[in-house]
Amino acid sequence: MYNSIMYLVFLLPLIATLNLITNQSHFLMTLLSLEGITLSLILFVPMTLSMMNAPNASISVMLLTFSACEASIGLSLMVLMSRSYGTDMLSSLTSNKC
């Protein structure tokens, strides 16, 4: 059972990256994919460090802090974008409208 959980944790960043590549129509879906990547890295990095017998508590807290900052910046950008353009479609972000 432990091996199947390890395989799943090792596949989570790849699945989240694939989701980021395929779902690029809405800004919210892109933000959720980025959150999936950071949360999977929070699981992935400590598990790999525990296999190498390295201390991992400080790295997990640092990754969790960065993911919280990334989420707040992403949500503020989404609110700004929806107020400016009226939609969260990424196709509305072109250099011609600037």
PDB file of N, CA and C in Angstrom:
ATOM      1  N   MET A   1       0.815  -1.189   0.000  1.00  0.00           N
ATOM      2  CA  MET A   1       0.000   0.000   0.000  1.00  0.00           C
ATOM      3  C   MET A   1       0.862   1.257   0.000  1.00  0.00           C
ATOM      4  N   TYR A   2       1.977   1.214   0.711  1.00  0.00           N
ATOM      5  CA  TYR A   2       2.854   2.380   0.765  1.00  0.00           C
ATOM      6  C   TYR A   2       3.433   2.675  -0.611  1.00  0.00           C
ATOM      7  N   ASN A   3       3.742   1.637  -1.389  1.00  0.00           N
ATOM      8  CA  ASN A   3       4.302   1.850  -2.719  1.00  0.00           C
ATOM      9  C   ASN A   3       3.296   2.489  -3.658  1.00  0.00           C
ATOM     10  N   SER A   4       2.033   2.105  -3.564  1.00  0.00           N
ATOM     11  CA  SER A   4       1.024   2.711  -4.440  1.00  0.00           C
ATOM     12  C   SER A   4       0.817   4.185  -4.106  1.00  0.00           C
ATOM     13  N   ILE A   5       0.895   4.543  -2.830  1.00  0.00           N
ATOM     14  CA  ILE A   5       0.782   5.953  -2.444  1.00  0.00           C
ATOM     15  C   ILE A   5       1.995   6.728  -2.948  1.00  0.00           C
ATOM     16  N   MET A   6       3.170   6.126  -2.892  1.00  0.00           N
ATOM     17  CA  MET A   6       4.364   6.788  -3.401  1.00  0.00           C
ATOM     18  C   MET A   6       4.264   7.033  -4.906  1.00  0.00           C
ATOM     19  N   TYR A   7       3.773   6.048  -5.647  1.00  0.00           N
ATOM     20  CA  TYR A   7       3.617   6.224  -7.093  1.00  0.00           C
ATOM     21  C   TYR A   7       2.619   7.335  -7.405  1.00  0.00           C
ATOM     22  N   LEU A   8       1.553   7.400  -6.632  1.00  0.00           N
ATOM     23  CA  LEU A   8       0.563   8.443  -6.841  1.00  0.00           C
ATOM     24  C   LEU A   8       1.148   9.821  -6.547  1.00  0.00           C
ATOM     25  N   VAL A   9       1.906   9.942  -5.478  1.00  0.00           N
ATOM     26  CA  VAL A   9       2.516  11.232  -5.133  1.00  0.00           C
ATOM     27  C   VAL A   9       3.552  11.630  -6.182  1.00  0.00           C
ATOM     28  N   PHE A  10       4.261  10.672  -6.763  1.00  0.00           N
ATOM     29  CA  PHE A  10       5.230  10.997  -7.807  1.00  0.00           C
ATOM     30  C   PHE A  10       4.547  11.377  -9.114  1.00  0.00           C
ATOM     31  N   LEU A  11       3.331  10.884  -9.350  1.00  0.00           N
ATOM     32  CA  LEU A  11       2.617  11.212 -10.578  1.00  0.00           C
ATOM     33  C   LEU A  11       1.805  12.500 -10.475  1.00  0.00           C
ATOM     34  N   LEU A  12       1.498  12.955  -9.281  1.00  0.00           N
ATOM     35  CA  LEU A  12       0.664  14.144  -9.116  1.00  0.00           C
ATOM     36  C   LEU A  12       1.232  15.402  -9.784  1.00  0.00           C
ATOM     37  N   PRO A  13       2.531  15.728  -9.657  1.00  0.00           N
ATOM     38  CA  PRO A  13       3.023  16.921 -10.376  1.00  0.00           C
ATOM     39  C   PRO A  13       2.915  16.789 -11.887  1.00  0.00           C
ATOM     40  N   LEU A  14       3.105  15.585 -12.412  1.00  0.00           N
ATOM     41  CA  LEU A  14       2.991  15.387 -13.857  1.00  0.00           C
ATOM     42  C   LEU A  14       1.551  15.545 -14.327  1.00  0.00           C
ATOM     43  N   ILE A  15       0.615  15.017 -13.565  1.00  0.00           N
ATOM     44  CA  ILE A  15      -0.794  15.139 -13.922  1.00  0.00           C
ATOM     45  C   ILE A  15      -1.240  16.598 -13.844  1.00  0.00           C
ATOM     46  N   ALA A  16      -0.790  17.311 -12.823  1.00  0.00           N
ATOM     47  CA  ALA A  16      -1.159  18.724 -12.679  1.00  0.00           C
ATOM     48  C   ALA A  16      -0.553  19.570 -13.797  1.00  0.00           C
ATOM     49  N   THR A  17       0.669  19.248 -14.216  1.00  0.00           N
ATOM     50  CA  THR A  17       1.293  19.975 -15.323  1.00  0.00           C
ATOM     51  C   THR A  17       0.568  19.692 -16.628  1.00  0.00           C
ATOM     52  N   LEU A  18       0.172  18.455 -16.839  1.00  0.00           N
ATOM     53  CA  LEU A  18      -0.599  18.114 -18.030  1.00  0.00           C
ATOM     54  C   LEU A  18      -1.936  18.840 -18.037  1.00  0.00           C
ATOM     55  N   ASN A  19      -2.560  18.961 -16.894  1.00  0.00           N
ATOM     56  CA  ASN A  19      -3.806  19.709 -16.772  1.00  0.00           C
ATOM     57  C   ASN A  19      -3.586  21.189 -17.084  1.00  0.00           C
ATOM     58  N   LEU A  20      -2.464  21.742 -16.672  1.00  0.00           N
ATOM     59  CA  LEU A  20      -2.157  23.140 -16.963  1.00  0.00           C
ATOM     60  C   LEU A  20      -1.973  23.360 -18.459  1.00  0.00           C
ATOM     61  N   ILE A  21      -1.339  22.411 -19.126  1.00  0.00           N
ATOM     62  CA  ILE A  21      -1.094  22.546 -20.558  1.00  0.00           C
ATOM     63  C   ILE A  21      -2.392  22.434 -21.353  1.00  0.00           C
ATOM     64  N   THR A  22      -3.277  21.534 -20.949  1.00  0.00           N
ATOM     65  CA  THR A  22      -4.487  21.297 -21.738  1.00  0.00           C
ATOM     66  C   THR A  22      -5.612  22.285 -21.449  1.00  0.00           C
ATOM     67  N   ASN A  23      -5.739  22.797 -20.242  1.00  0.00           N
ATOM     68  CA  ASN A  23      -6.833  23.715 -19.883  1.00  0.00           C
ATOM     69  C   ASN A  23      -6.327  25.140 -19.810  1.00  0.00           C
ATOM     70  N   GLN A  24      -6.270  25.803 -20.952  1.00  0.00           N
ATOM     71  CA  GLN A  24      -5.810  27.181 -20.962  1.00  0.00           C
ATOM     72  C   GLN A  24      -6.851  28.130 -21.540  1.00  0.00           C
ATOM     73  N   SER A  25      -8.116  27.829 -21.335  1.00  0.00           N
ATOM     74  CA  SER A  25      -9.142  28.722 -21.871  1.00  0.00           C
ATOM     75  C   SER A  25      -9.580  29.761 -20.834  1.00  0.00           C
ATOM     76  N   HIS A  26      -9.776  29.339 -19.595  1.00  0.00           N
ATOM     77  CA  HIS A  26     -10.202  30.256 -18.536  1.00  0.00           C
ATOM     78  C   HIS A  26      -9.052  30.488 -17.562  1.00  0.00           C
ATOM     79  N   PHE A  27      -9.011  31.707 -17.043  1.00  0.00           N
ATOM     80  CA  PHE A  27      -7.966  32.069 -16.093  1.00  0.00           C
ATOM     81  C   PHE A  27      -8.120  31.305 -14.780  1.00  0.00           C
ATOM     82  N   LEU A  28      -9.356  31.031 -14.375  1.00  0.00           N
ATOM     83  CA  LEU A  28      -9.598  30.293 -13.144  1.00  0.00           C
ATOM     84  C   LEU A  28      -9.090  28.857 -13.247  1.00  0.00           C
ATOM     85  N   MET A  29      -9.277  28.221 -14.394  1.00  0.00           N
ATOM     86  CA  MET A  29      -8.774  26.858 -14.580  1.00  0.00           C
ATOM     87  C   MET A  29      -7.246  26.825 -14.551  1.00  0.00           C
ATOM     88  N   THR A  30      -6.618  27.853 -15.092  1.00  0.00           N
ATOM     89  CA  THR A  30      -5.160  27.940 -15.049  1.00  0.00           C
ATOM     90  C   THR A  30      -4.674  28.111 -13.618  1.00  0.00           C
ATOM     91  N   LEU A  31      -5.373  28.941 -12.831  1.00  0.00           N
ATOM     92  CA  LEU A  31      -5.001  29.124 -11.426  1.00  0.00           C
ATOM     93  C   LEU A  31      -5.182  27.837 -10.631  1.00  0.00           C
ATOM     94  N   LEU A  32      -6.264  27.114 -10.898  1.00  0.00           N
ATOM     95  CA  LEU A  32      -6.481  25.847 -10.198  1.00  0.00           C
ATOM     96  C   LEU A  32      -5.426  24.816 -10.572  1.00  0.00           C
ATOM     97  N   SER A  33      -4.976  24.825 -11.818  1.00  0.00           N
ATOM     98  CA  SER A  33      -3.910  23.913 -12.222  1.00  0.00           C
ATOM     99  C   SER A  33      -2.595  24.257 -11.523  1.00  0.00           C
ATOM    100  N   LEU A  34      -2.317  25.550 -11.406  1.00  0.00           N
ATOM    101  CA  LEU A  34      -1.103  25.965 -10.689  1.00  0.00           C
ATOM    102  C   LEU A  34      -1.175  25.600  -9.220  1.00  0.00           C
ATOM    103  N   GLU A  35      -2.359  25.714  -8.629  1.00  0.00           N
ATOM    104  CA  GLU A  35      -2.524  25.300  -7.239  1.00  0.00           C
ATOM    105  C   GLU A  35      -2.330  23.797  -7.087  1.00  0.00           C
ATOM    106  N   GLY A  36      -2.804  23.043  -8.064  1.00  0.00           N
ATOM    107  CA  GLY A  36      -2.587  21.598  -8.040  1.00  0.00           C
ATOM    108  C   GLY A  36      -1.122  21.245  -8.107  1.00  0.00           C
ATOM    109  N   ILE A  37      -0.368  21.995  -8.907  1.00  0.00           N
ATOM    110  CA  ILE A  37       1.079  21.758  -8.998  1.00  0.00           C
ATOM    111  C   ILE A  37       1.756  22.055  -7.668  1.00  0.00           C
ATOM    112  N   THR A  38       1.408  23.188  -7.049  1.00  0.00           N
ATOM    113  CA  THR A  38       2.079  23.531  -5.793  1.00  0.00           C
ATOM    114  C   THR A  38       1.686  22.580  -4.665  1.00  0.00           C
ATOM    115  N   LEU A  39       0.414  22.187  -4.620  1.00  0.00           N
ATOM    116  CA  LEU A  39       0.006  21.246  -3.573  1.00  0.00           C
ATOM    117  C   LEU A  39       0.617  19.867  -3.773  1.00  0.00           C
ATOM    118  N   SER A  40       0.778  19.456  -5.025  1.00  0.00           N
ATOM    119  CA  SER A  40       1.424  18.166  -5.254  1.00  0.00           C
ATOM    120  C   SER A  40       2.913  18.238  -4.920  1.00  0.00           C
ATOM    121  N   LEU A  41       3.516  19.406  -5.118  1.00  0.00           N
ATOM    122  CA  LEU A  41       4.923  19.552  -4.727  1.00  0.00           C
ATOM    123  C   LEU A  41       5.081  19.565  -3.214  1.00  0.00           C
ATOM    124  N   ILE A  42       4.063  20.066  -2.501  1.00  0.00           N
ATOM    125  CA  ILE A  42       4.117  20.025  -1.040  1.00  0.00           C
ATOM    126  C   ILE A  42       4.127  18.578  -0.561  1.00  0.00           C
ATOM    127  N   LEU A  43       3.438  17.697  -1.276  1.00  0.00           N
ATOM    128  CA  LEU A  43       3.482  16.270  -0.937  1.00  0.00           C
ATOM    129  C   LEU A  43       4.727  15.588  -1.477  1.00  0.00           C
ATOM    130  N   PHE A  44       5.171  16.002  -2.658  1.00  0.00           N
ATOM    131  CA  PHE A  44       6.261  15.329  -3.360  1.00  0.00           C
ATOM    132  C   PHE A  44       7.626  15.568  -2.718  1.00  0.00           C
ATOM    133  N   VAL A  45       7.932  16.807  -2.399  1.00  0.00           N
ATOM    134  CA  VAL A  45       9.270  17.147  -1.887  1.00  0.00           C
ATOM    135  C   VAL A  45       9.558  16.505  -0.526  1.00  0.00           C
ATOM    136  N   PRO A  46       8.664  16.572   0.450  1.00  0.00           N
ATOM    137  CA  PRO A  46       8.983  15.911   1.726  1.00  0.00           C
ATOM    138  C   PRO A  46       9.115  14.398   1.611  1.00  0.00           C
ATOM    139  N   MET A  47       8.313  13.796   0.717  1.00  0.00           N
ATOM    140  CA  MET A  47       8.414  12.348   0.568  1.00  0.00           C
ATOM    141  C   MET A  47       9.762  11.961  -0.043  1.00  0.00           C
ATOM    142  N   THR A  48      10.237  12.751  -1.000  1.00  0.00           N
ATOM    143  CA  THR A  48      11.549  12.440  -1.575  1.00  0.00           C
ATOM    144  C   THR A  48      12.665  12.693  -0.587  1.00  0.00           C
ATOM    145  N   LEU A  49      12.521  13.746   0.216  1.00  0.00           N
ATOM    146  CA  LEU A  49      13.556  14.016   1.209  1.00  0.00           C
ATOM    147  C   LEU A  49      13.554  12.972   2.323  1.00  0.00           C
ATOM    148  N   SER A  50      12.383  12.422   2.638  1.00  0.00           N
ATOM    149  CA  SER A  50      12.347  11.392   3.676  1.00  0.00           C
ATOM    150  C   SER A  50      12.994  10.103   3.179  1.00  0.00           C
ATOM    151  N   MET A  51      12.959   9.878   1.878  1.00  0.00           N
ATOM    152  CA  MET A  51      13.643   8.706   1.329  1.00  0.00           C
ATOM    153  C   MET A  51      15.160   8.865   1.410  1.00  0.00           C
ATOM    154  N   MET A  52      15.630  10.131   1.429  1.00  0.00           N
ATOM    155  CA  MET A  52      17.065  10.388   1.534  1.00  0.00           C
ATOM    156  C   MET A  52      17.489  10.666   2.972  1.00  0.00           C
ATOM    157  N   ASN A  53      16.582  10.533   3.930  1.00  0.00           N
ATOM    158  CA  ASN A  53      16.835  10.783   5.354  1.00  0.00           C
ATOM    159  C   ASN A  53      17.316  12.207   5.624  1.00  0.00           C
ATOM    160  N   ALA A  54      16.687  13.161   4.973  1.00  0.00           N
ATOM    161  CA  ALA A  54      17.026  14.570   5.171  1.00  0.00           C
ATOM    162  C   ALA A  54      15.899  15.253   5.951  1.00  0.00           C
ATOM    163  N   PRO A  55      16.203  16.298   6.716  1.00  0.00           N
ATOM    164  CA  PRO A  55      15.139  17.015   7.419  1.00  0.00           C
ATOM    165  C   PRO A  55      14.255  17.758   6.418  1.00  0.00           C
ATOM    166  N   ASN A  56      12.954  17.704   6.619  1.00  0.00           N
ATOM    167  CA  ASN A  56      12.068  18.249   5.599  1.00  0.00           C
ATOM    168  C   ASN A  56      10.981  19.182   6.123  1.00  0.00           C
ATOM    169  N   ALA A  57      10.931  19.461   7.382  1.00  0.00           N
ATOM    170  CA  ALA A  57       9.839  20.269   7.935  1.00  0.00           C
ATOM    171  C   ALA A  57       9.910  21.715   7.456  1.00  0.00           C
ATOM    172  N   SER A  58      11.078  22.280   7.391  1.00  0.00           N
ATOM    173  CA  SER A  58      11.187  23.683   6.997  1.00  0.00           C
ATOM    174  C   SER A  58      10.872  23.873   5.518  1.00  0.00           C
ATOM    175  N   ILE A  59      11.207  22.917   4.688  1.00  0.00           N
ATOM    176  CA  ILE A  59      10.916  23.040   3.260  1.00  0.00           C
ATOM    177  C   ILE A  59       9.417  22.961   3.012  1.00  0.00           C
ATOM    178  N   SER A  60       8.723  22.111   3.751  1.00  0.00           N
ATOM    179  CA  SER A  60       7.275  21.990   3.594  1.00  0.00           C
ATOM    180  C   SER A  60       6.577  23.287   3.989  1.00  0.00           C
ATOM    181  N   VAL A  61       6.998  23.895   5.071  1.00  0.00           N
ATOM    182  CA  VAL A  61       6.397  25.157   5.511  1.00  0.00           C
ATOM    183  C   VAL A  61       6.687  26.262   4.499  1.00  0.00           C
ATOM    184  N   MET A  62       7.895  26.279   3.950  1.00  0.00           N
ATOM    185  CA  MET A  62       8.246  27.284   2.962  1.00  0.00           C
ATOM    186  C   MET A  62       7.425  27.116   1.684  1.00  0.00           C
ATOM    187  N   LEU A  63       7.229  25.883   1.233  1.00  0.00           N
ATOM    188  CA  LEU A  63       6.407  25.646   0.051  1.00  0.00           C
ATOM    189  C   LEU A  63       4.951  26.020   0.291  1.00  0.00           C
ATOM    190  N   LEU A  64       4.449  25.738   1.472  1.00  0.00           N
ATOM    191  CA  LEU A  64       3.074  26.102   1.805  1.00  0.00           C
ATOM    192  C   LEU A  64       2.896  27.617   1.848  1.00  0.00           C
ATOM    193  N   THR A  65       3.897  28.331   2.339  1.00  0.00           N
ATOM    194  CA  THR A  65       3.851  29.789   2.361  1.00  0.00           C
ATOM    195  C   THR A  65       3.858  30.365   0.956  1.00  0.00           C
ATOM    196  N   PHE A  66       4.726  29.830   0.096  1.00  0.00           N
ATOM    197  CA  PHE A  66       4.775  30.300  -1.290  1.00  0.00           C
ATOM    198  C   PHE A  66       3.479  30.010  -2.025  1.00  0.00           C
ATOM    199  N   SER A  67       2.855  28.870  -1.744  1.00  0.00           N
ATOM    200  CA  SER A  67       1.600  28.554  -2.428  1.00  0.00           C
ATOM    201  C   SER A  67       0.472  29.475  -1.960  1.00  0.00           C
ATOM    202  N   ALA A  68       0.483  29.874  -0.701  1.00  0.00           N
ATOM    203  CA  ALA A  68      -0.524  30.822  -0.215  1.00  0.00           C
ATOM    204  C   ALA A  68      -0.327  32.196  -0.861  1.00  0.00           C
ATOM    205  N   CYS A  69       0.919  32.610  -1.004  1.00  0.00           N
ATOM    206  CA  CYS A  69       1.197  33.890  -1.675  1.00  0.00           C
ATOM    207  C   CYS A  69       0.799  33.832  -3.142  1.00  0.00           C
ATOM    208  N   GLU A  70       1.074  32.715  -3.787  1.00  0.00           N
ATOM    209  CA  GLU A  70       0.723  32.551  -5.190  1.00  0.00           C
ATOM    210  C   GLU A  70      -0.791  32.573  -5.376  1.00  0.00           C
ATOM    211  N   ALA A  71      -1.513  31.965  -4.465  1.00  0.00           N
ATOM    212  CA  ALA A  71      -2.976  31.942  -4.563  1.00  0.00           C
ATOM    213  C   ALA A  71      -3.556  33.344  -4.379  1.00  0.00           C
ATOM    214  N   SER A  72      -3.026  34.105  -3.447  1.00  0.00           N
ATOM    215  CA  SER A  72      -3.568  35.456  -3.221  1.00  0.00           C
ATOM    216  C   SER A  72      -3.258  36.376  -4.398  1.00  0.00           C
ATOM    217  N   ILE A  73      -2.076  36.263  -4.959  1.00  0.00           N
ATOM    218  CA  ILE A  73      -1.732  37.089  -6.125  1.00  0.00           C
ATOM    219  C   ILE A  73      -2.566  36.683  -7.329  1.00  0.00           C
ATOM    220  N   GLY A  74      -2.752  35.382  -7.515  1.00  0.00           N
ATOM    221  CA  GLY A  74      -3.557  34.907  -8.641  1.00  0.00           C
ATOM    222  C   GLY A  74      -5.005  35.346  -8.547  1.00  0.00           C
ATOM    223  N   LEU A  75      -5.587  35.270  -7.344  1.00  0.00           N
ATOM    224  CA  LEU A  75      -6.973  35.704  -7.190  1.00  0.00           C
ATOM    225  C   LEU A  75      -7.127  37.210  -7.386  1.00  0.00           C
ATOM    226  N   SER A  76      -6.145  37.980  -6.928  1.00  0.00           N
ATOM    227  CA  SER A  76      -6.233  39.423  -7.144  1.00  0.00           C
ATOM    228  C   SER A  76      -6.084  39.762  -8.627  1.00  0.00           C
ATOM    229  N   LEU A  77      -5.242  39.023  -9.346  1.00  0.00           N
ATOM    230  CA  LEU A  77      -5.136  39.239 -10.794  1.00  0.00           C
ATOM    231  C   LEU A  77      -6.419  38.845 -11.511  1.00  0.00           C
ATOM    232  N   MET A  78      -7.074  37.791 -11.044  1.00  0.00           N
ATOM    233  CA  MET A  78      -8.324  37.378 -11.673  1.00  0.00           C
ATOM    234  C   MET A  78      -9.429  38.407 -11.443  1.00  0.00           C
ATOM    235  N   VAL A  79      -9.490  38.971 -10.245  1.00  0.00           N
ATOM    236  CA  VAL A  79     -10.484  40.013  -9.969  1.00  0.00           C
ATOM    237  C   VAL A  79     -10.200  41.239 -10.828  1.00  0.00           C
ATOM    238  N   LEU A  80      -8.938  41.628 -10.932  1.00  0.00           N
ATOM    239  CA  LEU A  80      -8.570  42.768 -11.768  1.00  0.00           C
ATOM    240  C   LEU A  80      -8.915  42.517 -13.227  1.00  0.00           C
ATOM    241  N   MET A  81      -8.650  41.312 -13.700  1.00  0.00           N
ATOM    242  CA  MET A  81      -8.940  40.980 -15.090  1.00  0.00           C
ATOM    243  C   MET A  81     -10.439  40.947 -15.366  1.00  0.00           C
ATOM    244  N   SER A  82     -11.207  40.390 -14.448  1.00  0.00           N
ATOM    245  CA  SER A  82     -12.653  40.321 -14.667  1.00  0.00           C
ATOM    246  C   SER A  82     -13.297  41.705 -14.577  1.00  0.00           C
ATOM    247  N   ARG A  83     -12.735  42.595 -13.777  1.00  0.00           N
ATOM    248  CA  ARG A  83     -13.257  43.962 -13.729  1.00  0.00           C
ATOM    249  C   ARG A  83     -12.871  44.755 -14.973  1.00  0.00           C
ATOM    250  N   SER A  84     -11.666  44.512 -15.484  1.00  0.00           N
ATOM    251  CA  SER A  84     -11.206  45.275 -16.647  1.00  0.00           C
ATOM    252  C   SER A  84     -11.834  44.780 -17.944  1.00  0.00           C
ATOM    253  N   TYR A  85     -11.864  43.468 -18.162  1.00  0.00           N
ATOM    254  CA  TYR A  85     -12.316  42.907 -19.431  1.00  0.00           C
ATOM    255  C   TYR A  85     -13.716  42.327 -19.358  1.00  0.00           C
ATOM    256  N   GLY A  86     -14.244  42.096 -18.179  1.00  0.00           N
ATOM    257  CA  GLY A  86     -15.576  41.542 -18.050  1.00  0.00           C
ATOM    258  C   GLY A  86     -15.645  40.038 -18.179  1.00  0.00           C
ATOM    259  N   THR A  87     -14.523  39.370 -18.316  1.00  0.00           N
ATOM    260  CA  THR A  87     -14.500  37.919 -18.468  1.00  0.00           C
ATOM    261  C   THR A  87     -13.176  37.388 -17.939  1.00  0.00           C
ATOM    262  N   ASP A  88     -13.124  36.063 -17.739  1.00  0.00           N
ATOM    263  CA  ASP A  88     -11.859  35.467 -17.309  1.00  0.00           C
ATOM    264  C   ASP A  88     -11.239  34.607 -18.410  1.00  0.00           C
ATOM    265  N   MET A  89     -11.666  34.825 -19.638  1.00  0.00           N
ATOM    266  CA  MET A  89     -11.111  34.085 -20.769  1.00  0.00           C
ATOM    267  C   MET A  89      -9.698  34.594 -21.058  1.00  0.00           C
ATOM    268  N   LEU A  90      -8.763  33.669 -21.218  1.00  0.00           N
ATOM    269  CA  LEU A  90      -7.389  34.067 -21.499  1.00  0.00           C
ATOM    270  C   LEU A  90      -7.224  34.608 -22.918  1.00  0.00           C
ATOM    271  N   SER A  91      -8.157  34.284 -23.802  1.00  0.00           N
ATOM    272  CA  SER A  91      -8.061  34.783 -25.159  1.00  0.00           C
ATOM    273  C   SER A  91      -8.329  36.293 -25.238  1.00  0.00           C
ATOM    274  N   SER A  92      -8.940  36.855 -24.195  1.00  0.00           N
ATOM    275  CA  SER A  92      -9.193  38.301 -24.191  1.00  0.00           C
ATOM    276  C   SER A  92      -7.948  39.096 -23.822  1.00  0.00           C
ATOM    277  N   LEU A  93      -6.898  38.432 -23.389  1.00  0.00           N
ATOM    278  CA  LEU A  93      -5.654  39.119 -23.046  1.00  0.00           C
ATOM    279  C   LEU A  93      -4.750  39.189 -24.273  1.00  0.00           C
ATOM    280  N   THR A  94      -4.877  40.210 -25.048  1.00  0.00           N
ATOM    281  CA  THR A  94      -4.004  40.389 -26.207  1.00  0.00           C
ATOM    282  C   THR A  94      -3.265  41.705 -26.059  1.00  0.00           C
ATOM    283  N   SER A  95      -2.184  41.829 -26.762  1.00  0.00           N
ATOM    284  CA  SER A  95      -1.392  43.063 -26.685  1.00  0.00           C
ATOM    285  C   SER A  95      -2.052  44.178 -27.483  1.00  0.00           C
ATOM    286  N   ASN A  96      -3.022  43.873 -28.327  1.00  0.00           N
ATOM    287  CA  ASN A  96      -3.690  44.909 -29.122  1.00  0.00           C
ATOM    288  C   ASN A  96      -4.608  45.769 -28.274  1.00  0.00           C
ATOM    289  N   LYS A  97      -5.098  45.260 -27.150  1.00  0.00           N
ATOM    290  CA  LYS A  97      -6.034  46.002 -26.314  1.00  0.00           C
ATOM    291  C   LYS A  97      -5.343  46.926 -25.324  1.00  0.00           C
ATOM    292  N   CYS A  98      -4.041  46.857 -25.220  1.00  0.00           N
ATOM    293  CA  CYS A  98      -3.338  47.686 -24.244  1.00  0.00           C
ATOM    294  C   CYS A  98      -3.231  49.124 -24.698  1.00  0.00           C
TER     295      CYS A  98
END
